[in-house]
Amino acid sequence: MTRFLWPFVGFIVLVGFLAVGLTLKPSEVPSPLIDKPAPSFTLPLLASPEHTFSPEQLKGKVWLLNVWASWCYACLEEHPVIMDLAKTHSVPIVGLNYKDVRSEALAWLERNGDAYMLSVSDTQGRVGIDFGVYGVPETFVIDKAGVIRYKHIGAVTPRVARDTILPLIRELQQ
C-alpha cells in the first residue's frame, strides 16, 4: 500500500508547484538590479555607428532605457505607448536595440516612428545580459545618479505608463 502512496504524494506536490507557478506574472519578477547602479557600457549609435553613447552622458537626468528589437512583436505593440511618452517630453528615452540587424532596426524605426532621443546597437546582447534582460521589450527607469529604480518586463501599456512610470519619473525629478 505505501508503495503506491509515495508516488501519489509526489504527484500531488508537483501539481501544487505547477498550480502556484501558473498564478505568477512574469512581468512582476523582481530584478536584483533595482536600487543598484545601472551597468556601465559604451555602444555605437544605431543611426550613426561611428558615434557612441554611455549612460554617464545622462548623469544628472532621469531617463528611460527601452530594450527593443525589430523582430519583436510585443515591441511593436508597446511602441505607440513609447511614442506617447516621448511626446510628453517628460523624460529622455534611450532605445537599446537588442540582438538585431542594424538595417532592419533602422527600417523598423522609419516605418513605425522613432520615439527615442537615441538608440544604441547591442547586436551581441552583452549589455542586455548585464541589465538582466531575458526577453524584449523591457523598460528601465534610471534616476539622476544612474541608479535603476524600476524595471518593467514586457510591453509597457498605457496604464503602466500613466499609473507607474510617469508618477515615478515626476518623483525622481524633484
N, C-alpha and C. Protein backbone atom coordinates (compact mmCIF):
# COMPACT_ATOMS: atom_id res chain seq x y z
N MET A 1 0.82 -1.20 0.00
CA MET A 1 0.00 0.00 0.00
C MET A 1 0.86 1.26 0.00
N THR A 2 1.91 1.32 0.87
CA THR A 2 2.75 2.51 0.93
C THR A 2 3.56 2.68 -0.36
N ARG A 3 3.73 1.59 -1.08
CA ARG A 3 4.46 1.66 -2.35
C ARG A 3 3.73 2.55 -3.35
N PHE A 4 2.40 2.64 -3.24
CA PHE A 4 1.61 3.50 -4.13
C PHE A 4 1.38 4.88 -3.52
N LEU A 5 1.51 4.97 -2.20
CA LEU A 5 1.25 6.24 -1.51
C LEU A 5 2.31 7.30 -1.83
N TRP A 6 3.60 6.95 -1.79
CA TRP A 6 4.66 7.93 -2.01
C TRP A 6 4.66 8.51 -3.43
N PRO A 7 4.50 7.73 -4.47
CA PRO A 7 4.39 8.34 -5.80
C PRO A 7 3.18 9.27 -5.91
N PHE A 8 2.06 8.89 -5.27
CA PHE A 8 0.87 9.73 -5.29
C PHE A 8 1.13 11.06 -4.57
N VAL A 9 1.80 11.01 -3.41
CA VAL A 9 2.15 12.22 -2.66
C VAL A 9 3.08 13.09 -3.51
N GLY A 10 4.07 12.48 -4.15
CA GLY A 10 4.97 13.23 -5.03
C GLY A 10 4.22 13.91 -6.17
N PHE A 11 3.26 13.20 -6.74
CA PHE A 11 2.45 13.77 -7.82
C PHE A 11 1.65 14.98 -7.33
N ILE A 12 1.06 14.87 -6.15
CA ILE A 12 0.27 15.97 -5.58
C ILE A 12 1.17 17.19 -5.33
N VAL A 13 2.37 16.97 -4.82
CA VAL A 13 3.31 18.07 -4.58
C VAL A 13 3.66 18.76 -5.91
N LEU A 14 3.94 17.99 -6.95
CA LEU A 14 4.26 18.57 -8.27
C LEU A 14 3.08 19.37 -8.82
N VAL A 15 1.89 18.87 -8.67
CA VAL A 15 0.69 19.59 -9.12
C VAL A 15 0.57 20.90 -8.35
N GLY A 16 0.86 20.88 -7.06
CA GLY A 16 0.82 22.10 -6.24
C GLY A 16 1.80 23.14 -6.74
N PHE A 17 3.04 22.72 -7.01
CA PHE A 17 4.04 23.65 -7.55
C PHE A 17 3.60 24.22 -8.89
N LEU A 18 3.05 23.38 -9.75
CA LEU A 18 2.58 23.84 -11.05
C LEU A 18 1.45 24.86 -10.90
N ALA A 19 0.52 24.57 -9.98
CA ALA A 19 -0.60 25.48 -9.76
C ALA A 19 -0.12 26.85 -9.29
N VAL A 20 0.83 26.87 -8.37
CA VAL A 20 1.39 28.14 -7.88
C VAL A 20 2.12 28.85 -9.01
N GLY A 21 2.91 28.13 -9.77
CA GLY A 21 3.67 28.72 -10.87
C GLY A 21 2.78 29.36 -11.92
N LEU A 22 1.63 28.76 -12.18
CA LEU A 22 0.73 29.31 -13.19
C LEU A 22 0.06 30.60 -12.75
N THR A 23 0.06 30.88 -11.45
CA THR A 23 -0.55 32.12 -10.97
C THR A 23 0.42 33.29 -10.97
N LEU A 24 1.71 33.03 -11.17
CA LEU A 24 2.72 34.09 -11.15
C LEU A 24 2.68 34.89 -12.44
N LYS A 25 2.99 36.18 -12.35
CA LYS A 25 3.04 37.05 -13.52
C LYS A 25 4.50 37.35 -13.84
N PRO A 26 4.98 36.97 -15.04
CA PRO A 26 6.39 37.20 -15.35
C PRO A 26 6.76 38.68 -15.37
N SER A 27 5.80 39.56 -15.61
CA SER A 27 6.12 40.98 -15.62
C SER A 27 6.35 41.53 -14.22
N GLU A 28 6.09 40.72 -13.19
CA GLU A 28 6.28 41.18 -11.82
C GLU A 28 7.47 40.49 -11.15
N VAL A 29 8.34 39.90 -11.95
CA VAL A 29 9.54 39.27 -11.40
C VAL A 29 10.47 40.37 -10.90
N PRO A 30 10.83 40.36 -9.63
CA PRO A 30 11.69 41.43 -9.13
C PRO A 30 13.10 41.32 -9.72
N SER A 31 13.68 42.44 -9.99
CA SER A 31 15.04 42.46 -10.54
C SER A 31 16.04 42.71 -9.43
N PRO A 32 17.14 41.97 -9.42
CA PRO A 32 18.17 42.23 -8.41
C PRO A 32 18.89 43.56 -8.67
N LEU A 33 18.64 44.18 -9.82
CA LEU A 33 19.31 45.44 -10.15
C LEU A 33 18.59 46.68 -9.61
N ILE A 34 17.36 46.50 -9.11
CA ILE A 34 16.62 47.64 -8.58
C ILE A 34 17.41 48.24 -7.41
N ASP A 35 17.54 49.56 -7.43
CA ASP A 35 18.29 50.33 -6.42
C ASP A 35 19.79 50.08 -6.48
N LYS A 36 20.26 49.61 -7.62
CA LYS A 36 21.70 49.43 -7.85
C LYS A 36 22.09 50.28 -9.07
N PRO A 37 23.35 50.69 -9.15
CA PRO A 37 23.78 51.47 -10.32
C PRO A 37 23.56 50.70 -11.62
N ALA A 38 23.10 51.42 -12.63
CA ALA A 38 22.92 50.80 -13.95
C ALA A 38 24.28 50.36 -14.46
N PRO A 39 24.34 49.21 -15.11
CA PRO A 39 25.62 48.75 -15.66
C PRO A 39 26.19 49.79 -16.63
N SER A 40 27.49 49.95 -16.56
CA SER A 40 28.17 50.88 -17.45
C SER A 40 28.41 50.20 -18.80
N PHE A 41 28.27 50.97 -19.85
CA PHE A 41 28.54 50.45 -21.19
C PHE A 41 28.84 51.60 -22.14
N THR A 42 29.42 51.26 -23.25
CA THR A 42 29.59 52.19 -24.36
C THR A 42 29.23 51.42 -25.61
N LEU A 43 28.20 51.90 -26.32
CA LEU A 43 27.74 51.22 -27.53
C LEU A 43 27.62 52.22 -28.68
N PRO A 44 27.73 51.71 -29.91
CA PRO A 44 27.55 52.59 -31.06
C PRO A 44 26.09 53.00 -31.23
N LEU A 45 25.89 54.22 -31.71
CA LEU A 45 24.54 54.67 -32.02
C LEU A 45 24.03 53.88 -33.21
N LEU A 46 22.76 53.56 -33.18
CA LEU A 46 22.15 52.81 -34.27
C LEU A 46 22.19 53.62 -35.57
N ALA A 47 21.86 54.89 -35.48
CA ALA A 47 21.78 55.73 -36.68
C ALA A 47 23.15 56.13 -37.21
N SER A 48 24.13 56.25 -36.34
CA SER A 48 25.48 56.62 -36.77
C SER A 48 26.50 55.87 -35.94
N PRO A 49 26.87 54.67 -36.39
CA PRO A 49 27.74 53.79 -35.59
C PRO A 49 29.13 54.34 -35.31
N GLU A 50 29.51 55.40 -35.97
CA GLU A 50 30.81 55.99 -35.69
C GLU A 50 30.79 56.78 -34.38
N HIS A 51 29.59 57.06 -33.85
CA HIS A 51 29.44 57.74 -32.56
C HIS A 51 28.96 56.74 -31.52
N THR A 52 29.26 57.03 -30.25
CA THR A 52 28.88 56.11 -29.18
C THR A 52 28.07 56.83 -28.10
N PHE A 53 27.46 56.03 -27.26
CA PHE A 53 26.70 56.52 -26.10
C PHE A 53 27.07 55.67 -24.90
N SER A 54 27.13 56.33 -23.74
CA SER A 54 27.25 55.61 -22.48
C SER A 54 26.34 56.30 -21.47
N PRO A 55 25.84 55.56 -20.48
CA PRO A 55 24.91 56.14 -19.51
C PRO A 55 25.47 57.34 -18.75
N GLU A 56 26.78 57.43 -18.64
CA GLU A 56 27.38 58.57 -17.94
C GLU A 56 26.98 59.90 -18.59
N GLN A 57 26.66 59.87 -19.87
CA GLN A 57 26.25 61.09 -20.57
C GLN A 57 24.93 61.64 -20.05
N LEU A 58 24.14 60.82 -19.36
CA LEU A 58 22.86 61.27 -18.84
C LEU A 58 22.85 61.42 -17.32
N LYS A 59 24.04 61.39 -16.69
CA LYS A 59 24.10 61.62 -15.24
C LYS A 59 23.48 62.98 -14.94
N GLY A 60 22.69 63.03 -13.90
CA GLY A 60 22.01 64.27 -13.53
C GLY A 60 20.61 64.36 -14.13
N LYS A 61 20.21 63.37 -14.95
CA LYS A 61 18.88 63.34 -15.55
C LYS A 61 18.22 62.00 -15.25
N VAL A 62 16.91 62.05 -15.07
CA VAL A 62 16.11 60.83 -15.00
C VAL A 62 15.85 60.43 -16.46
N TRP A 63 16.00 59.14 -16.77
CA TRP A 63 15.79 58.70 -18.14
C TRP A 63 15.27 57.27 -18.20
N LEU A 64 14.74 56.91 -19.36
CA LEU A 64 14.25 55.56 -19.59
C LEU A 64 15.19 54.84 -20.55
N LEU A 65 15.41 53.57 -20.29
CA LEU A 65 16.10 52.70 -21.23
C LEU A 65 15.06 51.68 -21.67
N ASN A 66 14.73 51.71 -22.96
CA ASN A 66 13.73 50.79 -23.51
C ASN A 66 14.45 49.80 -24.42
N VAL A 67 14.40 48.52 -24.04
CA VAL A 67 15.06 47.47 -24.81
C VAL A 67 14.05 46.96 -25.84
N TRP A 68 14.43 47.01 -27.11
CA TRP A 68 13.52 46.67 -28.21
C TRP A 68 14.27 45.98 -29.35
N ALA A 69 13.51 45.41 -30.28
CA ALA A 69 14.09 44.78 -31.47
C ALA A 69 13.06 44.80 -32.60
N SER A 70 13.54 44.84 -33.82
CA SER A 70 12.63 44.87 -34.97
C SER A 70 11.89 43.55 -35.14
N TRP A 71 12.42 42.47 -34.62
CA TRP A 71 11.82 41.15 -34.76
C TRP A 71 10.82 40.85 -33.63
N CYS A 72 10.62 41.80 -32.74
CA CYS A 72 9.81 41.60 -31.53
C CYS A 72 8.39 42.13 -31.75
N TYR A 73 7.41 41.22 -31.74
CA TYR A 73 6.02 41.63 -31.93
C TYR A 73 5.53 42.50 -30.76
N ALA A 74 5.88 42.14 -29.54
CA ALA A 74 5.45 42.92 -28.37
C ALA A 74 6.02 44.34 -28.40
N CYS A 75 7.20 44.50 -29.01
CA CYS A 75 7.79 45.84 -29.13
C CYS A 75 6.92 46.72 -30.03
N LEU A 76 6.40 46.13 -31.08
CA LEU A 76 5.50 46.86 -31.98
C LEU A 76 4.21 47.21 -31.25
N GLU A 77 3.75 46.31 -30.40
CA GLU A 77 2.54 46.54 -29.61
C GLU A 77 2.73 47.70 -28.63
N GLU A 78 3.90 47.79 -28.00
CA GLU A 78 4.14 48.84 -27.00
C GLU A 78 4.59 50.17 -27.63
N HIS A 79 5.01 50.13 -28.87
CA HIS A 79 5.62 51.32 -29.49
C HIS A 79 4.74 52.58 -29.44
N PRO A 80 3.42 52.48 -29.67
CA PRO A 80 2.60 53.70 -29.53
C PRO A 80 2.67 54.31 -28.13
N VAL A 81 2.80 53.47 -27.11
CA VAL A 81 2.90 53.98 -25.74
C VAL A 81 4.24 54.69 -25.55
N ILE A 82 5.31 54.12 -26.08
CA ILE A 82 6.63 54.77 -26.01
C ILE A 82 6.59 56.08 -26.79
N MET A 83 5.93 56.09 -27.94
CA MET A 83 5.80 57.33 -28.73
C MET A 83 5.05 58.39 -27.91
N ASP A 84 3.98 57.99 -27.22
CA ASP A 84 3.22 58.94 -26.39
C ASP A 84 4.07 59.47 -25.23
N LEU A 85 4.88 58.59 -24.62
CA LEU A 85 5.78 59.04 -23.56
C LEU A 85 6.77 60.07 -24.10
N ALA A 86 7.27 59.83 -25.29
CA ALA A 86 8.23 60.76 -25.90
C ALA A 86 7.58 62.11 -26.16
N LYS A 87 6.32 62.10 -26.56
CA LYS A 87 5.62 63.36 -26.86
C LYS A 87 5.41 64.22 -25.63
N THR A 88 5.41 63.61 -24.43
CA THR A 88 5.24 64.39 -23.21
C THR A 88 6.50 65.18 -22.86
N HIS A 89 7.63 64.81 -23.45
CA HIS A 89 8.93 65.46 -23.17
C HIS A 89 9.26 65.44 -21.68
N SER A 90 8.70 64.48 -20.96
CA SER A 90 8.94 64.42 -19.51
C SER A 90 10.25 63.71 -19.18
N VAL A 91 10.77 62.92 -20.12
CA VAL A 91 11.96 62.13 -19.83
C VAL A 91 12.66 61.75 -21.13
N PRO A 92 14.00 61.78 -21.16
CA PRO A 92 14.70 61.27 -22.33
C PRO A 92 14.53 59.74 -22.40
N ILE A 93 14.30 59.23 -23.59
CA ILE A 93 14.14 57.79 -23.79
C ILE A 93 15.27 57.31 -24.69
N VAL A 94 16.04 56.37 -24.17
CA VAL A 94 17.13 55.77 -24.93
C VAL A 94 16.68 54.37 -25.32
N GLY A 95 16.82 54.05 -26.60
CA GLY A 95 16.49 52.72 -27.07
C GLY A 95 17.73 51.84 -27.07
N LEU A 96 17.59 50.63 -26.57
CA LEU A 96 18.66 49.64 -26.65
C LEU A 96 18.18 48.58 -27.64
N ASN A 97 18.68 48.68 -28.87
CA ASN A 97 18.29 47.73 -29.90
C ASN A 97 19.04 46.43 -29.66
N TYR A 98 18.28 45.38 -29.34
CA TYR A 98 18.82 44.14 -28.78
C TYR A 98 18.87 43.03 -29.81
N LYS A 99 20.08 42.50 -30.04
CA LYS A 99 20.30 41.34 -30.92
C LYS A 99 19.58 41.50 -32.26
N ASP A 100 19.83 42.60 -32.90
CA ASP A 100 19.12 42.94 -34.13
C ASP A 100 20.11 43.25 -35.24
N VAL A 101 19.60 43.27 -36.45
CA VAL A 101 20.38 43.67 -37.63
C VAL A 101 20.15 45.17 -37.81
N ARG A 102 21.22 45.93 -37.91
CA ARG A 102 21.14 47.39 -37.97
C ARG A 102 20.17 47.87 -39.05
N SER A 103 20.29 47.36 -40.25
CA SER A 103 19.44 47.84 -41.35
C SER A 103 17.96 47.54 -41.07
N GLU A 104 17.67 46.40 -40.47
CA GLU A 104 16.28 46.06 -40.15
C GLU A 104 15.74 46.95 -39.03
N ALA A 105 16.58 47.25 -38.06
CA ALA A 105 16.17 48.13 -36.96
C ALA A 105 15.88 49.54 -37.47
N LEU A 106 16.75 50.05 -38.33
CA LEU A 106 16.54 51.39 -38.90
C LEU A 106 15.27 51.43 -39.74
N ALA A 107 15.01 50.38 -40.51
CA ALA A 107 13.79 50.31 -41.32
C ALA A 107 12.55 50.26 -40.42
N TRP A 108 12.65 49.54 -39.31
CA TRP A 108 11.53 49.45 -38.36
C TRP A 108 11.21 50.83 -37.79
N LEU A 109 12.24 51.57 -37.40
CA LEU A 109 12.02 52.93 -36.88
C LEU A 109 11.45 53.85 -37.95
N GLU A 110 11.91 53.70 -39.17
CA GLU A 110 11.39 54.51 -40.28
C GLU A 110 9.90 54.23 -40.49
N ARG A 111 9.52 52.97 -40.43
CA ARG A 111 8.12 52.57 -40.63
C ARG A 111 7.21 52.99 -39.47
N ASN A 112 7.70 52.82 -38.24
CA ASN A 112 6.83 52.96 -37.07
C ASN A 112 7.03 54.23 -36.27
N GLY A 113 8.03 55.02 -36.63
CA GLY A 113 8.31 56.24 -35.90
C GLY A 113 9.43 56.02 -34.89
N ASP A 114 10.18 57.08 -34.65
CA ASP A 114 11.33 56.99 -33.75
C ASP A 114 11.06 57.84 -32.51
N ALA A 115 10.73 57.17 -31.43
CA ALA A 115 10.41 57.84 -30.17
C ALA A 115 11.65 58.16 -29.35
N TYR A 116 12.80 57.66 -29.77
CA TYR A 116 13.98 57.68 -28.93
C TYR A 116 14.83 58.94 -29.13
N MET A 117 15.34 59.43 -28.01
CA MET A 117 16.34 60.50 -28.08
C MET A 117 17.51 59.98 -28.91
N LEU A 118 17.83 58.70 -28.68
CA LEU A 118 18.83 57.98 -29.47
C LEU A 118 18.64 56.50 -29.21
N SER A 119 19.11 55.69 -30.14
CA SER A 119 19.12 54.24 -29.96
C SER A 119 20.54 53.75 -30.12
N VAL A 120 20.90 52.80 -29.28
CA VAL A 120 22.22 52.18 -29.38
C VAL A 120 22.03 50.74 -29.85
N SER A 121 23.07 50.20 -30.43
CA SER A 121 23.01 48.87 -31.02
C SER A 121 23.77 47.87 -30.15
N ASP A 122 23.03 46.90 -29.63
CA ASP A 122 23.61 45.82 -28.82
C ASP A 122 23.45 44.50 -29.60
N THR A 123 24.17 44.39 -30.70
CA THR A 123 23.98 43.25 -31.60
C THR A 123 24.32 41.91 -30.96
N GLN A 124 25.29 41.89 -30.06
CA GLN A 124 25.68 40.64 -29.40
C GLN A 124 24.84 40.36 -28.16
N GLY A 125 24.12 41.34 -27.66
CA GLY A 125 23.29 41.16 -26.48
C GLY A 125 24.04 41.22 -25.16
N ARG A 126 25.27 41.67 -25.18
CA ARG A 126 26.07 41.68 -23.94
C ARG A 126 25.57 42.69 -22.92
N VAL A 127 25.18 43.86 -23.39
CA VAL A 127 24.66 44.87 -22.46
C VAL A 127 23.31 44.42 -21.92
N GLY A 128 22.51 43.82 -22.79
CA GLY A 128 21.24 43.27 -22.33
C GLY A 128 21.44 42.26 -21.21
N ILE A 129 22.44 41.42 -21.35
CA ILE A 129 22.75 40.44 -20.30
C ILE A 129 23.13 41.16 -19.01
N ASP A 130 23.95 42.22 -19.11
CA ASP A 130 24.34 42.98 -17.92
C ASP A 130 23.12 43.57 -17.20
N PHE A 131 22.09 43.94 -17.98
CA PHE A 131 20.87 44.51 -17.40
C PHE A 131 19.88 43.42 -16.96
N GLY A 132 20.22 42.17 -17.19
CA GLY A 132 19.32 41.09 -16.79
C GLY A 132 18.16 40.88 -17.74
N VAL A 133 18.31 41.32 -18.98
CA VAL A 133 17.25 41.18 -19.97
C VAL A 133 17.17 39.71 -20.39
N TYR A 134 15.97 39.17 -20.31
CA TYR A 134 15.79 37.81 -20.81
C TYR A 134 14.70 37.74 -21.86
N GLY A 135 14.19 38.87 -22.25
CA GLY A 135 13.21 38.96 -23.32
C GLY A 135 12.92 40.41 -23.60
N VAL A 136 12.52 40.70 -24.81
CA VAL A 136 12.17 42.08 -25.16
C VAL A 136 10.67 42.16 -25.35
N PRO A 137 10.08 43.30 -25.09
CA PRO A 137 10.68 44.52 -24.58
C PRO A 137 10.81 44.51 -23.05
N GLU A 138 11.74 45.30 -22.60
CA GLU A 138 11.89 45.60 -21.19
C GLU A 138 12.23 47.08 -21.07
N THR A 139 11.76 47.71 -20.01
CA THR A 139 11.97 49.14 -19.83
C THR A 139 12.47 49.41 -18.42
N PHE A 140 13.48 50.26 -18.33
CA PHE A 140 14.10 50.62 -17.05
C PHE A 140 13.96 52.11 -16.82
N VAL A 141 13.64 52.50 -15.58
CA VAL A 141 13.68 53.90 -15.17
C VAL A 141 14.98 54.07 -14.39
N ILE A 142 15.80 55.02 -14.85
CA ILE A 142 17.10 55.26 -14.24
C ILE A 142 17.12 56.69 -13.70
N ASP A 143 17.54 56.83 -12.44
CA ASP A 143 17.48 58.14 -11.79
C ASP A 143 18.69 59.01 -12.11
N LYS A 144 18.72 60.21 -11.51
CA LYS A 144 19.77 61.19 -11.79
C LYS A 144 21.17 60.70 -11.44
N ALA A 145 21.25 59.78 -10.48
CA ALA A 145 22.55 59.26 -10.06
C ALA A 145 22.97 58.02 -10.86
N GLY A 146 22.12 57.63 -11.81
CA GLY A 146 22.44 56.45 -12.62
C GLY A 146 22.03 55.15 -11.97
N VAL A 147 21.06 55.21 -11.05
CA VAL A 147 20.59 54.02 -10.33
C VAL A 147 19.27 53.56 -10.94
N ILE A 148 19.13 52.26 -11.14
CA ILE A 148 17.89 51.69 -11.68
C ILE A 148 16.83 51.72 -10.58
N ARG A 149 15.71 52.37 -10.86
CA ARG A 149 14.65 52.49 -9.86
C ARG A 149 13.43 51.63 -10.18
N TYR A 150 13.32 51.19 -11.44
CA TYR A 150 12.15 50.40 -11.84
C TYR A 150 12.49 49.62 -13.09
N LYS A 151 11.95 48.41 -13.17
CA LYS A 151 12.09 47.59 -14.37
C LYS A 151 10.73 47.03 -14.73
N HIS A 152 10.34 47.24 -15.98
CA HIS A 152 9.09 46.67 -16.46
C HIS A 152 9.42 45.62 -17.51
N ILE A 153 8.95 44.41 -17.28
CA ILE A 153 9.17 43.31 -18.21
C ILE A 153 7.93 43.19 -19.09
N GLY A 154 8.14 43.14 -20.40
CA GLY A 154 7.04 43.04 -21.34
C GLY A 154 6.66 44.41 -21.86
N ALA A 155 5.61 44.43 -22.66
CA ALA A 155 5.16 45.67 -23.29
C ALA A 155 4.61 46.64 -22.25
N VAL A 156 5.05 47.88 -22.32
CA VAL A 156 4.51 48.94 -21.47
C VAL A 156 3.12 49.27 -22.01
N THR A 157 2.13 49.23 -21.14
CA THR A 157 0.76 49.56 -21.53
C THR A 157 0.48 51.02 -21.16
N PRO A 158 -0.57 51.60 -21.73
CA PRO A 158 -0.92 52.96 -21.32
C PRO A 158 -1.15 53.07 -19.81
N ARG A 159 -1.73 52.04 -19.22
CA ARG A 159 -1.99 52.05 -17.77
C ARG A 159 -0.69 52.05 -16.98
N VAL A 160 0.27 51.22 -17.36
CA VAL A 160 1.56 51.18 -16.66
C VAL A 160 2.28 52.52 -16.81
N ALA A 161 2.24 53.08 -18.01
CA ALA A 161 2.87 54.39 -18.23
C ALA A 161 2.24 55.45 -17.34
N ARG A 162 0.91 55.49 -17.31
CA ARG A 162 0.17 56.51 -16.56
C ARG A 162 0.27 56.32 -15.05
N ASP A 163 0.11 55.06 -14.60
CA ASP A 163 -0.01 54.81 -13.16
C ASP A 163 1.30 54.50 -12.45
N THR A 164 2.31 54.08 -13.19
CA THR A 164 3.57 53.67 -12.56
C THR A 164 4.76 54.49 -13.04
N ILE A 165 4.99 54.50 -14.34
CA ILE A 165 6.22 55.11 -14.86
C ILE A 165 6.21 56.63 -14.73
N LEU A 166 5.16 57.30 -15.20
CA LEU A 166 5.14 58.77 -15.13
C LEU A 166 5.16 59.31 -13.70
N PRO A 167 4.38 58.73 -12.76
CA PRO A 167 4.49 59.22 -11.37
C PRO A 167 5.89 59.02 -10.78
N LEU A 168 6.52 57.89 -11.10
CA LEU A 168 7.88 57.65 -10.61
C LEU A 168 8.86 58.65 -11.19
N ILE A 169 8.72 58.94 -12.47
CA ILE A 169 9.59 59.94 -13.11
C ILE A 169 9.44 61.30 -12.44
N ARG A 170 8.19 61.71 -12.22
CA ARG A 170 7.95 63.00 -11.57
C ARG A 170 8.58 63.04 -10.16
N GLU A 171 8.44 61.95 -9.43
CA GLU A 171 9.02 61.87 -8.09
C GLU A 171 10.55 61.95 -8.14
N LEU A 172 11.15 61.24 -9.08
CA LEU A 172 12.61 61.23 -9.17
C LEU A 172 13.20 62.53 -9.69
N GLN A 173 12.41 63.30 -10.41
CA GLN A 173 12.90 64.57 -10.97
C GLN A 173 12.91 65.69 -9.93
N GLN A 174 12.26 65.50 -8.81
CA GLN A 174 12.22 66.55 -7.77
C GLN A 174 13.49 66.60 -6.97
